[in-house]
Amino acid sequence: LCFPQRLWKILESSEFRSIWWGVGGTCVAINEELFQQEVLGRVFSTQKMKSFIRQLNTYGFTKVYQDFQSSASLPEFLAEEAAASSHSKVLYYYNPSFSRERPQLL
């Protein structure tokens, strides 16, 4: 699978707690610390967050800043709130062609 397909697959999986759809499925939210332990080196060939972010940028993702109050659903809000309250760094990335509602764009 190519990078966007692998990313989609882990977002849709219930196996990972470190990455989830944010803002109604229009961006990717990543708990950086947990993501490094849980996903990197296991799903993606790199073990460095910097390399993973470079891949996101290569595929047109841009970093965005999230207001935790704006999540579309309760599970998303709770996941974001839990990540923030654990003092972990949560990163948000957006790509207009990468949306939970439009898998055909992969």
Protein backbone atom coordinates (compact mmCIF):
# COMPACT_ATOMS: atom_id res chain seq x y z
CA LEU A 1 0.00 0.00 0.00
CA CYS A 2 1.14 3.55 -0.67
CA PHE A 3 1.53 6.03 2.18
CA PRO A 4 -1.98 7.58 2.00
CA GLN A 5 -3.59 4.13 1.89
CA ARG A 6 -1.63 2.94 4.93
CA LEU A 7 -2.52 6.14 6.77
CA TRP A 8 -6.20 5.67 5.92
CA LYS A 9 -6.06 2.06 7.10
CA ILE A 10 -4.67 2.90 10.53
CA LEU A 11 -7.13 5.78 10.95
CA GLU A 12 -10.02 3.40 10.27
CA SER A 13 -8.58 0.73 12.57
CA SER A 14 -9.58 0.49 16.22
CA GLU A 15 -6.15 -0.97 16.97
CA PHE A 16 -4.40 2.38 17.48
CA ARG A 17 -5.10 5.00 20.15
CA SER A 18 -2.43 7.42 18.98
CA ILE A 19 -4.05 8.57 15.74
CA TRP A 20 -7.63 9.47 14.90
CA TRP A 21 -9.81 11.51 12.59
CA GLY A 22 -10.24 15.07 13.85
CA VAL A 23 -12.79 17.75 12.98
CA GLY A 24 -15.46 15.51 11.50
CA GLY A 25 -13.06 13.41 9.47
CA THR A 26 -11.36 16.24 7.61
CA CYS A 27 -7.97 16.15 9.32
CA VAL A 28 -5.63 13.69 11.02
CA ALA A 29 -4.89 14.07 14.75
CA ILE A 30 -1.73 12.42 16.09
CA ASN A 31 -0.63 12.03 19.71
CA GLU A 32 3.05 12.33 18.89
CA GLU A 33 4.53 10.49 21.86
CA LEU A 34 2.15 7.53 21.73
CA PHE A 35 2.30 7.39 17.92
CA GLN A 36 6.07 6.91 18.02
CA GLN A 37 5.68 3.94 20.36
CA GLU A 38 2.57 2.42 18.81
CA VAL A 39 2.88 2.93 15.03
CA LEU A 40 6.30 4.03 13.81
CA GLY A 41 8.55 1.13 12.90
CA ARG A 42 5.56 -1.19 12.97
CA VAL A 43 3.25 0.18 10.24
CA PHE A 44 5.61 2.65 8.59
CA SER A 45 9.22 1.81 7.81
CA THR A 46 10.63 4.75 9.74
CA GLN A 47 11.05 5.08 13.50
CA LYS A 48 11.54 8.86 13.39
CA MET A 49 8.64 11.28 13.68
CA LYS A 50 10.52 13.77 11.51
CA SER A 51 10.58 11.28 8.61
CA PHE A 52 6.88 10.52 9.02
CA ILE A 53 6.05 14.24 8.95
CA ARG A 54 8.19 14.62 5.83
CA GLN A 55 6.03 11.92 4.19
CA LEU A 56 2.87 13.79 5.21
CA ASN A 57 4.28 16.95 3.63
CA THR A 58 5.30 15.05 0.47
CA TYR A 59 1.69 13.93 0.04
CA GLY A 60 0.30 17.45 0.44
CA PHE A 61 -0.64 17.48 4.12
CA THR A 62 -0.19 20.75 5.99
CA LYS A 63 0.01 21.29 9.72
CA VAL A 64 -3.02 22.97 11.25
CA TYR A 65 -3.76 24.20 14.74
CA GLN A 66 -6.81 22.71 16.40
CA ASP A 67 -9.28 24.22 18.83
CA PHE A 68 -10.39 21.30 21.02
CA GLN A 69 -13.89 22.79 21.35
CA SER A 70 -14.66 22.35 17.64
CA SER A 71 -14.74 18.56 17.27
CA ALA A 72 -17.79 17.25 15.47
CA SER A 73 -18.53 14.24 17.67
CA LEU A 74 -18.25 13.28 21.31
CA PRO A 75 -15.76 10.41 20.74
CA GLU A 76 -13.47 12.74 18.76
CA PHE A 77 -13.73 15.44 21.41
CA LEU A 78 -12.98 12.98 24.22
CA ALA A 79 -9.98 11.55 22.36
CA GLU A 80 -8.57 15.02 21.73
CA GLU A 81 -9.24 16.14 25.30
CA ALA A 82 -7.59 13.02 26.75
CA ALA A 83 -4.54 13.49 24.54
CA ALA A 84 -4.25 17.15 25.53
CA SER A 85 -4.71 16.49 29.22
CA SER A 86 -1.96 13.89 29.23
CA HIS A 87 0.46 16.70 28.30
CA SER A 88 1.32 14.95 25.07
CA LYS A 89 1.87 16.89 21.91
CA VAL A 90 -1.05 16.48 19.52
CA LEU A 91 -0.36 17.29 15.89
CA TYR A 92 -3.04 18.01 13.30
CA TYR A 93 -2.55 17.63 9.55
CA TYR A 94 -4.95 18.50 6.76
CA ASN A 95 -5.11 17.57 3.10
CA PRO A 96 -8.17 18.58 1.03
CA SER A 97 -8.01 15.22 -0.81
CA PHE A 98 -7.86 13.14 2.38
CA SER A 99 -11.24 12.90 4.11
CA ARG A 100 -13.08 10.15 5.95
CA GLU A 101 -16.14 10.78 3.76
CA ARG A 102 -14.24 10.56 0.45
CA PRO A 103 -12.11 7.37 0.33
CA GLN A 104 -12.30 7.38 -3.47
CA LEU A 105 -9.77 10.24 -3.47
CA LEU A 106 -7.01 7.95 -2.20
